[in-house]
Amino acid sequence: ATTTTANTLLADTSGTTTATSSSNDSNDSSGVTPASELAVLRQRVLAQAGLVLGYLAFDGEGSLRVDKQEATRYFRLAAAAGCKEAEEVLGWVYNTGQYGAL
């Protein structure tokens, strides 16, 4: 059986640290991830997805057209989810006036 620890799933690319871990040696043999770990994972995924979508919309990459307003929304979503990089990008976007009409 292939298993992954929560530390692997919560690899930090947002500039924050999370001290969450799980082990295959725990007393819980059901294989179900605790709700608290799922909540942390969900928050991490939301932060990273918002950041990536923000960059794609900002630059018009992939199938997205350049849309600074939509990009700003994605960056704000990622920042609200705890992504430090999104906070920095928002600062730059607001400082340079590239945020579109809000």
N, C-alpha and C. Protein backbone atom coordinates (compact mmCIF):
# COMPACT_ATOMS: atom_id res chain seq x y z
N ALA A 1 0.85 -1.18 0.00
CA ALA A 1 0.00 0.00 0.00
C ALA A 1 0.89 1.23 0.00
N THR A 2 0.55 2.19 -0.85
CA THR A 2 1.31 3.42 -0.94
C THR A 2 0.63 4.47 -0.08
N THR A 3 1.37 5.09 0.82
CA THR A 3 0.83 6.15 1.67
C THR A 3 1.76 7.34 1.62
N THR A 4 1.20 8.50 1.93
CA THR A 4 1.97 9.73 1.92
C THR A 4 1.72 10.43 3.24
N THR A 5 2.76 10.96 3.86
CA THR A 5 2.56 11.70 5.11
C THR A 5 2.02 13.08 4.81
N ALA A 6 1.38 13.66 5.81
CA ALA A 6 0.82 15.00 5.65
C ALA A 6 1.91 16.01 5.39
N ASN A 7 3.11 15.82 5.94
CA ASN A 7 4.20 16.76 5.69
C ASN A 7 4.52 16.82 4.21
N THR A 8 4.47 15.70 3.52
CA THR A 8 4.73 15.69 2.09
C THR A 8 3.62 16.42 1.36
N LEU A 9 2.37 16.18 1.76
CA LEU A 9 1.25 16.82 1.10
C LEU A 9 1.22 18.31 1.35
N LEU A 10 1.74 18.73 2.48
CA LEU A 10 1.69 20.14 2.85
C LEU A 10 3.01 20.83 2.59
N ALA A 11 3.74 20.39 1.58
CA ALA A 11 5.01 21.01 1.24
C ALA A 11 4.79 22.50 1.10
N ASP A 12 5.57 23.27 1.79
CA ASP A 12 5.34 24.70 1.91
C ASP A 12 6.02 25.46 0.80
N THR A 13 5.22 26.10 -0.04
CA THR A 13 5.77 26.96 -1.08
C THR A 13 5.21 28.37 -0.94
N SER A 14 4.47 28.62 0.14
CA SER A 14 3.83 29.92 0.29
C SER A 14 4.57 30.84 1.24
N GLY A 15 5.66 30.39 1.83
CA GLY A 15 6.41 31.24 2.73
C GLY A 15 6.00 31.08 4.18
N THR A 16 5.05 30.20 4.48
CA THR A 16 4.67 29.95 5.85
C THR A 16 5.02 28.53 6.21
N THR A 17 5.08 28.26 7.49
CA THR A 17 5.38 26.90 7.91
C THR A 17 4.18 26.30 8.61
N THR A 18 4.02 25.01 8.44
CA THR A 18 2.96 24.29 9.09
C THR A 18 3.56 23.09 9.77
N ALA A 19 3.35 22.99 11.07
CA ALA A 19 3.92 21.88 11.83
C ALA A 19 2.88 20.78 11.96
N THR A 20 2.49 20.21 10.86
CA THR A 20 1.51 19.13 10.85
C THR A 20 2.18 17.89 10.31
N SER A 21 1.98 16.80 10.99
CA SER A 21 2.54 15.56 10.46
C SER A 21 1.62 14.42 10.83
N SER A 22 1.69 13.40 10.03
CA SER A 22 0.98 12.17 10.35
C SER A 22 1.92 11.04 10.06
N SER A 23 1.65 9.94 10.63
CA SER A 23 2.54 8.81 10.46
C SER A 23 1.72 7.56 10.19
N ASN A 24 2.30 6.68 9.42
CA ASN A 24 1.65 5.41 9.15
C ASN A 24 1.67 4.51 10.38
N ASP A 25 2.46 4.88 11.39
CA ASP A 25 2.59 4.08 12.59
C ASP A 25 1.60 4.49 13.67
N SER A 26 0.67 5.39 13.37
CA SER A 26 -0.27 5.85 14.38
C SER A 26 -1.25 4.74 14.73
N ASN A 27 -1.98 4.96 15.81
CA ASN A 27 -2.94 3.97 16.27
C ASN A 27 -4.17 3.89 15.39
N ASP A 28 -4.41 4.90 14.56
CA ASP A 28 -5.57 4.91 13.67
C ASP A 28 -5.27 4.07 12.45
N SER A 29 -5.87 2.92 12.37
CA SER A 29 -5.60 2.01 11.25
C SER A 29 -6.65 2.14 10.16
N SER A 30 -7.57 3.09 10.29
CA SER A 30 -8.64 3.23 9.30
C SER A 30 -8.14 3.84 7.99
N GLY A 31 -6.99 4.52 7.99
CA GLY A 31 -6.46 5.14 6.79
C GLY A 31 -7.14 6.45 6.44
N VAL A 32 -8.00 6.95 7.33
CA VAL A 32 -8.72 8.19 7.10
C VAL A 32 -7.91 9.34 7.69
N THR A 33 -7.72 10.39 6.91
CA THR A 33 -6.99 11.56 7.38
C THR A 33 -7.90 12.37 8.30
N PRO A 34 -7.40 12.79 9.46
CA PRO A 34 -8.21 13.59 10.39
C PRO A 34 -8.68 14.88 9.74
N ALA A 35 -9.84 15.34 10.19
CA ALA A 35 -10.46 16.55 9.63
C ALA A 35 -9.55 17.77 9.72
N SER A 36 -8.79 17.89 10.80
CA SER A 36 -7.92 19.05 10.96
C SER A 36 -6.82 19.06 9.89
N GLU A 37 -6.29 17.89 9.56
CA GLU A 37 -5.27 17.82 8.52
C GLU A 37 -5.87 18.13 7.16
N LEU A 38 -7.09 17.67 6.94
CA LEU A 38 -7.76 17.96 5.66
C LEU A 38 -8.04 19.45 5.53
N ALA A 39 -8.40 20.10 6.62
CA ALA A 39 -8.65 21.54 6.58
C ALA A 39 -7.38 22.30 6.22
N VAL A 40 -6.25 21.90 6.81
CA VAL A 40 -4.97 22.54 6.51
C VAL A 40 -4.61 22.31 5.05
N LEU A 41 -4.79 21.09 4.59
CA LEU A 41 -4.48 20.75 3.21
C LEU A 41 -5.36 21.54 2.24
N ARG A 42 -6.63 21.65 2.56
CA ARG A 42 -7.56 22.40 1.72
C ARG A 42 -7.13 23.86 1.62
N GLN A 43 -6.72 24.44 2.74
CA GLN A 43 -6.27 25.84 2.77
C GLN A 43 -5.01 26.02 1.92
N ARG A 44 -4.07 25.08 2.01
CA ARG A 44 -2.83 25.12 1.23
C ARG A 44 -3.12 25.04 -0.27
N VAL A 45 -4.02 24.13 -0.64
CA VAL A 45 -4.36 23.96 -2.05
C VAL A 45 -5.04 25.22 -2.58
N LEU A 46 -5.95 25.79 -1.80
CA LEU A 46 -6.62 27.02 -2.21
C LEU A 46 -5.62 28.15 -2.41
N ALA A 47 -4.66 28.26 -1.51
CA ALA A 47 -3.64 29.32 -1.62
C ALA A 47 -2.81 29.14 -2.89
N GLN A 48 -2.36 27.93 -3.14
CA GLN A 48 -1.52 27.69 -4.31
C GLN A 48 -2.31 27.83 -5.62
N ALA A 49 -3.54 27.34 -5.63
CA ALA A 49 -4.37 27.45 -6.84
C ALA A 49 -4.64 28.92 -7.17
N GLY A 50 -4.97 29.71 -6.15
CA GLY A 50 -5.21 31.13 -6.38
C GLY A 50 -3.98 31.84 -6.92
N LEU A 51 -2.82 31.48 -6.38
CA LEU A 51 -1.57 32.09 -6.84
C LEU A 51 -1.30 31.75 -8.30
N VAL A 52 -1.41 30.49 -8.65
CA VAL A 52 -1.15 30.05 -10.02
C VAL A 52 -2.15 30.68 -10.98
N LEU A 53 -3.43 30.64 -10.64
CA LEU A 53 -4.44 31.24 -11.52
C LEU A 53 -4.24 32.75 -11.65
N GLY A 54 -3.79 33.37 -10.57
CA GLY A 54 -3.50 34.80 -10.64
C GLY A 54 -2.40 35.12 -11.65
N TYR A 55 -1.32 34.34 -11.59
CA TYR A 55 -0.24 34.54 -12.55
C TYR A 55 -0.71 34.27 -13.98
N LEU A 56 -1.49 33.22 -14.17
CA LEU A 56 -1.98 32.89 -15.51
C LEU A 56 -2.85 34.01 -16.07
N ALA A 57 -3.75 34.53 -15.26
CA ALA A 57 -4.63 35.61 -15.73
C ALA A 57 -3.85 36.91 -15.92
N PHE A 58 -2.89 37.17 -15.05
CA PHE A 58 -2.12 38.41 -15.15
C PHE A 58 -1.30 38.47 -16.43
N ASP A 59 -0.72 37.33 -16.80
CA ASP A 59 0.14 37.28 -17.99
C ASP A 59 -0.58 36.79 -19.24
N GLY A 60 -1.82 36.31 -19.10
CA GLY A 60 -2.55 35.80 -20.25
C GLY A 60 -2.00 34.47 -20.74
N GLU A 61 -1.50 33.67 -19.82
CA GLU A 61 -0.92 32.38 -20.18
C GLU A 61 -2.00 31.30 -20.25
N GLY A 62 -1.64 30.19 -20.87
CA GLY A 62 -2.58 29.08 -20.98
C GLY A 62 -3.77 29.48 -21.82
N SER A 63 -4.93 29.10 -21.38
CA SER A 63 -6.15 29.44 -22.13
C SER A 63 -6.80 30.72 -21.61
N LEU A 64 -6.16 31.37 -20.64
CA LEU A 64 -6.71 32.61 -20.08
C LEU A 64 -6.22 33.82 -20.86
N ARG A 65 -7.11 34.77 -21.05
CA ARG A 65 -6.70 36.03 -21.66
C ARG A 65 -6.17 36.95 -20.57
N VAL A 66 -5.43 37.97 -20.93
CA VAL A 66 -4.92 38.92 -19.94
C VAL A 66 -6.12 39.62 -19.30
N ASP A 67 -6.23 39.47 -18.00
CA ASP A 67 -7.32 40.09 -17.25
C ASP A 67 -6.78 40.46 -15.88
N LYS A 68 -6.31 41.70 -15.76
CA LYS A 68 -5.67 42.15 -14.52
C LYS A 68 -6.65 42.15 -13.35
N GLN A 69 -7.91 42.47 -13.61
CA GLN A 69 -8.90 42.48 -12.55
C GLN A 69 -9.13 41.07 -12.00
N GLU A 70 -9.27 40.10 -12.89
CA GLU A 70 -9.45 38.71 -12.47
C GLU A 70 -8.20 38.20 -11.76
N ALA A 71 -7.04 38.56 -12.27
CA ALA A 71 -5.79 38.16 -11.63
C ALA A 71 -5.72 38.70 -10.21
N THR A 72 -6.12 39.94 -10.02
CA THR A 72 -6.11 40.54 -8.70
C THR A 72 -7.05 39.79 -7.76
N ARG A 73 -8.21 39.39 -8.27
CA ARG A 73 -9.13 38.59 -7.44
C ARG A 73 -8.48 37.28 -7.00
N TYR A 74 -7.80 36.60 -7.91
CA TYR A 74 -7.14 35.34 -7.57
C TYR A 74 -6.03 35.56 -6.55
N PHE A 75 -5.24 36.62 -6.74
CA PHE A 75 -4.17 36.91 -5.79
C PHE A 75 -4.75 37.23 -4.41
N ARG A 76 -5.86 37.94 -4.37
CA ARG A 76 -6.50 38.25 -3.08
C ARG A 76 -7.01 36.99 -2.41
N LEU A 77 -7.57 36.08 -3.19
CA LEU A 77 -8.04 34.81 -2.66
C LEU A 77 -6.87 34.03 -2.06
N ALA A 78 -5.78 33.96 -2.79
CA ALA A 78 -4.59 33.24 -2.31
C ALA A 78 -4.03 33.90 -1.06
N ALA A 79 -4.00 35.23 -1.03
CA ALA A 79 -3.48 35.93 0.14
C ALA A 79 -4.37 35.68 1.35
N ALA A 80 -5.68 35.67 1.15
CA ALA A 80 -6.61 35.40 2.24
C ALA A 80 -6.44 33.98 2.77
N ALA A 81 -5.98 33.08 1.91
CA ALA A 81 -5.75 31.69 2.32
C ALA A 81 -4.37 31.51 2.95
N GLY A 82 -3.60 32.59 3.06
CA GLY A 82 -2.33 32.54 3.77
C GLY A 82 -1.08 32.48 2.91
N CYS A 83 -1.19 32.74 1.62
CA CYS A 83 -0.05 32.67 0.73
C CYS A 83 0.73 34.00 0.79
N LYS A 84 1.93 33.93 1.33
CA LYS A 84 2.77 35.14 1.47
C LYS A 84 3.19 35.69 0.11
N GLU A 85 3.47 34.81 -0.85
CA GLU A 85 3.86 35.27 -2.18
C GLU A 85 2.74 36.08 -2.82
N ALA A 86 1.50 35.64 -2.64
CA ALA A 86 0.36 36.38 -3.20
C ALA A 86 0.25 37.76 -2.55
N GLU A 87 0.54 37.85 -1.25
CA GLU A 87 0.53 39.14 -0.58
C GLU A 87 1.58 40.07 -1.19
N GLU A 88 2.75 39.53 -1.46
CA GLU A 88 3.82 40.34 -2.06
C GLU A 88 3.45 40.78 -3.47
N VAL A 89 2.87 39.88 -4.24
CA VAL A 89 2.45 40.22 -5.61
C VAL A 89 1.37 41.29 -5.56
N LEU A 90 0.42 41.17 -4.64
CA LEU A 90 -0.62 42.19 -4.52
C LEU A 90 -0.02 43.55 -4.20
N GLY A 91 0.96 43.58 -3.32
CA GLY A 91 1.63 44.84 -3.01
C GLY A 91 2.25 45.46 -4.25
N TRP A 92 2.90 44.64 -5.04
CA TRP A 92 3.51 45.12 -6.28
C TRP A 92 2.44 45.58 -7.27
N VAL A 93 1.38 44.80 -7.42
CA VAL A 93 0.30 45.14 -8.35
C VAL A 93 -0.34 46.47 -7.96
N TYR A 94 -0.65 46.64 -6.68
CA TYR A 94 -1.25 47.89 -6.23
C TYR A 94 -0.27 49.06 -6.33
N ASN A 95 0.98 48.82 -6.02
CA ASN A 95 2.00 49.86 -6.08
C ASN A 95 2.22 50.36 -7.50
N THR A 96 2.11 49.48 -8.46
CA THR A 96 2.35 49.86 -9.86
C THR A 96 1.07 50.21 -10.60
N GLY A 97 -0.08 50.08 -9.95
CA GLY A 97 -1.35 50.45 -10.55
C GLY A 97 -1.82 49.50 -11.64
N GLN A 98 -1.43 48.24 -11.57
CA GLN A 98 -1.79 47.29 -12.61
C GLN A 98 -2.95 46.37 -12.21
N TYR A 99 -3.78 46.82 -11.30
CA TYR A 99 -4.81 45.95 -10.76
C TYR A 99 -6.13 46.01 -11.53
N GLY A 100 -6.23 46.80 -12.54
CA GLY A 100 -7.49 46.89 -13.29
C GLY A 100 -8.53 47.65 -12.49
N ALA A 101 -9.72 47.76 -13.03
CA ALA A 101 -10.81 48.46 -12.36
C ALA A 101 -11.45 47.52 -11.34
N LEU A 102 -11.40 47.89 -10.06
CA LEU A 102 -11.98 47.04 -9.02
C LEU A 102 -13.33 47.51 -8.65
